[in-house]
Amino acid sequence: MKHLADIELGPLRGFGPLGNPEGTGVATFSKFISTMIGLMTIIAIIWFTFVLFTGAIAMISAGGDKQALESARKRIINGLIGLVVVIAAIFILDLVGNIFGIPNILNFGQLFEQIQQ
């Protein structure tokens, strides 16, 4: 009895690196997680920059209104808290990867090489 993975599909291949994986499943999973974390981190940094600028503009345009000033200050603080949470999550994920023996779970170099291609 053949395993499902041993069935020859001819010229049919999957898409991307998951369609024709090289190495072990752990390496493929590690690369996938690393890419997703890197992408989410880049999105979080862009979002933080947007929130910081909009908060700063709201603070400048408050014109002495204490409620608008407080709202802008809360927006900036919430952006900073979000950025700290994202950075802490990266360190926690790296720690979990090292504990479970998945080396280089956060390899951002591979992400930037994939983006350039």
C-alpha atoms as a PDB file:
ATOM      1  CA  MET A   1       0.000   0.000   0.000  1.00  0.00           C
ATOM      2  CA  LYS A   2       1.399   3.353  -1.015  1.00  0.00           C
ATOM      3  CA  HIS A   3       1.365   6.373   1.184  1.00  0.00           C
ATOM      4  CA  LEU A   4      -0.396   9.429  -0.137  1.00  0.00           C
ATOM      5  CA  ALA A   5       2.926  11.270  -0.343  1.00  0.00           C
ATOM      6  CA  ASP A   6       4.412   8.473  -2.511  1.00  0.00           C
ATOM      7  CA  ILE A   7       1.847   8.823  -5.317  1.00  0.00           C
ATOM      8  CA  GLU A   8       3.400  10.279  -8.471  1.00  0.00           C
ATOM      9  CA  LEU A   9       1.369  13.204  -9.797  1.00  0.00           C
ATOM     10  CA  GLY A  10       3.345  13.720 -12.999  1.00  0.00           C
ATOM     11  CA  PRO A  11       4.033  17.314 -13.971  1.00  0.00           C
ATOM     12  CA  LEU A  12       1.558  18.665 -11.379  1.00  0.00           C
ATOM     13  CA  ARG A  13       3.334  20.708  -8.732  1.00  0.00           C
ATOM     14  CA  GLY A  14       2.094  22.929  -5.946  1.00  0.00           C
ATOM     15  CA  PHE A  15       2.595  26.640  -5.624  1.00  0.00           C
ATOM     16  CA  GLY A  16       5.666  28.216  -4.024  1.00  0.00           C
ATOM     17  CA  PRO A  17       8.011  26.579  -1.562  1.00  0.00           C
ATOM     18  CA  LEU A  18       5.218  24.583   0.079  1.00  0.00           C
ATOM     19  CA  GLY A  19       4.322  22.939  -3.247  1.00  0.00           C
ATOM     20  CA  ASN A  20       7.731  21.343  -3.620  1.00  0.00           C
ATOM     21  CA  PRO A  21       9.314  21.414  -0.163  1.00  0.00           C
ATOM     22  CA  GLU A  22      12.964  20.726   0.319  1.00  0.00           C
ATOM     23  CA  GLY A  23      14.277  19.283   3.562  1.00  0.00           C
ATOM     24  CA  THR A  24      12.132  18.321   6.510  1.00  0.00           C
ATOM     25  CA  GLY A  25       8.635  19.387   7.412  1.00  0.00           C
ATOM     26  CA  VAL A  26      10.027  21.238  10.418  1.00  0.00           C
ATOM     27  CA  ALA A  27      12.215  23.384   8.151  1.00  0.00           C
ATOM     28  CA  THR A  28       9.273  24.167   5.863  1.00  0.00           C
ATOM     29  CA  PHE A  29       7.048  25.004   8.828  1.00  0.00           C
ATOM     30  CA  SER A  30       9.796  27.147  10.343  1.00  0.00           C
ATOM     31  CA  LYS A  31      10.224  29.061   7.098  1.00  0.00           C
ATOM     32  CA  PHE A  32       6.465  29.610   6.805  1.00  0.00           C
ATOM     33  CA  ILE A  33       6.153  30.872  10.396  1.00  0.00           C
ATOM     34  CA  SER A  34       9.219  33.079   9.975  1.00  0.00           C
ATOM     35  CA  THR A  35       7.780  34.648   6.839  1.00  0.00           C
ATOM     36  CA  MET A  36       4.393  35.275   8.440  1.00  0.00           C
ATOM     37  CA  ILE A  37       5.900  36.796  11.592  1.00  0.00           C
ATOM     38  CA  GLY A  38       8.197  38.997   9.529  1.00  0.00           C
ATOM     39  CA  LEU A  39       5.323  40.183   7.364  1.00  0.00           C
ATOM     40  CA  MET A  40       3.112  40.904  10.379  1.00  0.00           C
ATOM     41  CA  THR A  41       5.981  42.767  12.050  1.00  0.00           C
ATOM     42  CA  ILE A  42       6.485  44.975   9.003  1.00  0.00           C
ATOM     43  CA  ILE A  43       2.744  45.685   8.888  1.00  0.00           C
ATOM     44  CA  ALA A  44       2.736  46.491  12.630  1.00  0.00           C
ATOM     45  CA  ILE A  45       5.644  48.934  12.228  1.00  0.00           C
ATOM     46  CA  ILE A  46       3.880  50.672   9.333  1.00  0.00           C
ATOM     47  CA  TRP A  47       0.681  50.846  11.393  1.00  0.00           C
ATOM     48  CA  PHE A  48       2.572  52.241  14.401  1.00  0.00           C
ATOM     49  CA  THR A  49       4.108  54.930  12.202  1.00  0.00           C
ATOM     50  CA  PHE A  50       0.656  55.840  10.876  1.00  0.00           C
ATOM     51  CA  VAL A  51      -0.843  55.998  14.393  1.00  0.00           C
ATOM     52  CA  LEU A  52       2.097  58.064  15.662  1.00  0.00           C
ATOM     53  CA  PHE A  53       1.768  60.612  12.846  1.00  0.00           C
ATOM     54  CA  THR A  54      -2.012  60.887  13.133  1.00  0.00           C
ATOM     55  CA  GLY A  55      -1.717  61.254  16.911  1.00  0.00           C
ATOM     56  CA  ALA A  56       0.937  63.943  16.519  1.00  0.00           C
ATOM     57  CA  ILE A  57      -1.169  65.832  13.969  1.00  0.00           C
ATOM     58  CA  ALA A  58      -4.205  65.570  16.253  1.00  0.00           C
ATOM     59  CA  MET A  59      -2.108  66.835  19.155  1.00  0.00           C
ATOM     60  CA  ILE A  60      -0.830  69.781  17.140  1.00  0.00           C
ATOM     61  CA  SER A  61      -4.294  70.642  15.853  1.00  0.00           C
ATOM     62  CA  ALA A  62      -5.965  70.303  19.295  1.00  0.00           C
ATOM     63  CA  GLY A  63      -5.739  74.060  19.724  1.00  0.00           C
ATOM     64  CA  GLY A  64      -5.940  74.014  23.512  1.00  0.00           C
ATOM     65  CA  ASP A  65      -8.898  71.615  23.674  1.00  0.00           C
ATOM     66  CA  LYS A  66      -8.072  69.338  26.598  1.00  0.00           C
ATOM     67  CA  GLN A  67     -10.320  66.510  25.417  1.00  0.00           C
ATOM     68  CA  ALA A  68      -8.772  66.469  21.920  1.00  0.00           C
ATOM     69  CA  LEU A  69      -5.290  66.627  23.443  1.00  0.00           C
ATOM     70  CA  GLU A  70      -6.080  63.702  25.752  1.00  0.00           C
ATOM     71  CA  SER A  71      -7.515  61.700  22.833  1.00  0.00           C
ATOM     72  CA  ALA A  72      -4.365  62.296  20.763  1.00  0.00           C
ATOM     73  CA  ARG A  73      -2.145  61.353  23.710  1.00  0.00           C
ATOM     74  CA  LYS A  74      -4.103  58.091  24.211  1.00  0.00           C
ATOM     75  CA  ARG A  75      -3.752  57.314  20.499  1.00  0.00           C
ATOM     76  CA  ILE A  76       0.031  57.701  20.662  1.00  0.00           C
ATOM     77  CA  ILE A  77       0.281  55.657  23.875  1.00  0.00           C
ATOM     78  CA  ASN A  78      -1.880  52.881  22.388  1.00  0.00           C
ATOM     79  CA  GLY A  79       0.395  52.816  19.332  1.00  0.00           C
ATOM     80  CA  LEU A  80       3.468  52.492  21.555  1.00  0.00           C
ATOM     81  CA  ILE A  81       1.839  49.703  23.581  1.00  0.00           C
ATOM     82  CA  GLY A  82       0.985  47.853  20.367  1.00  0.00           C
ATOM     83  CA  LEU A  83       4.564  48.141  19.131  1.00  0.00           C
ATOM     84  CA  VAL A  84       5.907  46.833  22.464  1.00  0.00           C
ATOM     85  CA  VAL A  85       3.474  43.890  22.303  1.00  0.00           C
ATOM     86  CA  VAL A  86       4.633  43.016  18.771  1.00  0.00           C
ATOM     87  CA  ILE A  87       8.310  43.161  19.766  1.00  0.00           C
ATOM     88  CA  ALA A  88       7.636  41.103  22.909  1.00  0.00           C
ATOM     89  CA  ALA A  89       5.761  38.524  20.824  1.00  0.00           C
ATOM     90  CA  ILE A  90       8.778  38.174  18.534  1.00  0.00           C
ATOM     91  CA  PHE A  91      11.083  37.509  21.465  1.00  0.00           C
ATOM     92  CA  ILE A  92       8.614  35.044  23.011  1.00  0.00           C
ATOM     93  CA  LEU A  93       8.244  33.190  19.698  1.00  0.00           C
ATOM     94  CA  ASP A  94      12.022  33.000  19.358  1.00  0.00           C
ATOM     95  CA  LEU A  95      12.263  31.631  22.900  1.00  0.00           C
ATOM     96  CA  VAL A  96       9.585  28.998  22.203  1.00  0.00           C
ATOM     97  CA  GLY A  97      11.363  28.046  18.969  1.00  0.00           C
ATOM     98  CA  ASN A  98      14.620  27.544  20.842  1.00  0.00           C
ATOM     99  CA  ILE A  99      12.903  25.513  23.567  1.00  0.00           C
ATOM    100  CA  PHE A 100      11.252  23.171  21.048  1.00  0.00           C
ATOM    101  CA  GLY A 101      14.384  22.898  18.904  1.00  0.00           C
ATOM    102  CA  ILE A 102      13.235  24.830  15.831  1.00  0.00           C
ATOM    103  CA  PRO A 103      16.309  26.868  14.965  1.00  0.00           C
ATOM    104  CA  ASN A 104      16.018  30.165  13.113  1.00  0.00           C
ATOM    105  CA  ILE A 105      12.252  30.361  13.482  1.00  0.00           C
ATOM    106  CA  LEU A 106      12.535  34.113  12.991  1.00  0.00           C
ATOM    107  CA  ASN A 107      14.902  34.327  10.048  1.00  0.00           C
ATOM    108  CA  PHE A 108      14.075  37.723   8.572  1.00  0.00           C
ATOM    109  CA  GLY A 109      16.899  37.453   6.053  1.00  0.00           C
ATOM    110  CA  GLN A 110      14.928  34.856   4.127  1.00  0.00           C
ATOM    111  CA  LEU A 111      11.894  37.153   4.137  1.00  0.00           C
ATOM    112  CA  PHE A 112      13.804  40.021   2.576  1.00  0.00           C
ATOM    113  CA  GLU A 113      15.369  37.706  -0.013  1.00  0.00           C
ATOM    114  CA  GLN A 114      11.908  36.454  -0.992  1.00  0.00           C
ATOM    115  CA  ILE A 115      10.574  40.010  -1.279  1.00  0.00           C
ATOM    116  CA  GLN A 116      13.451  41.003  -3.578  1.00  0.00           C
ATOM    117  CA  GLN A 117      12.811  38.110  -5.990  1.00  0.00           C
END
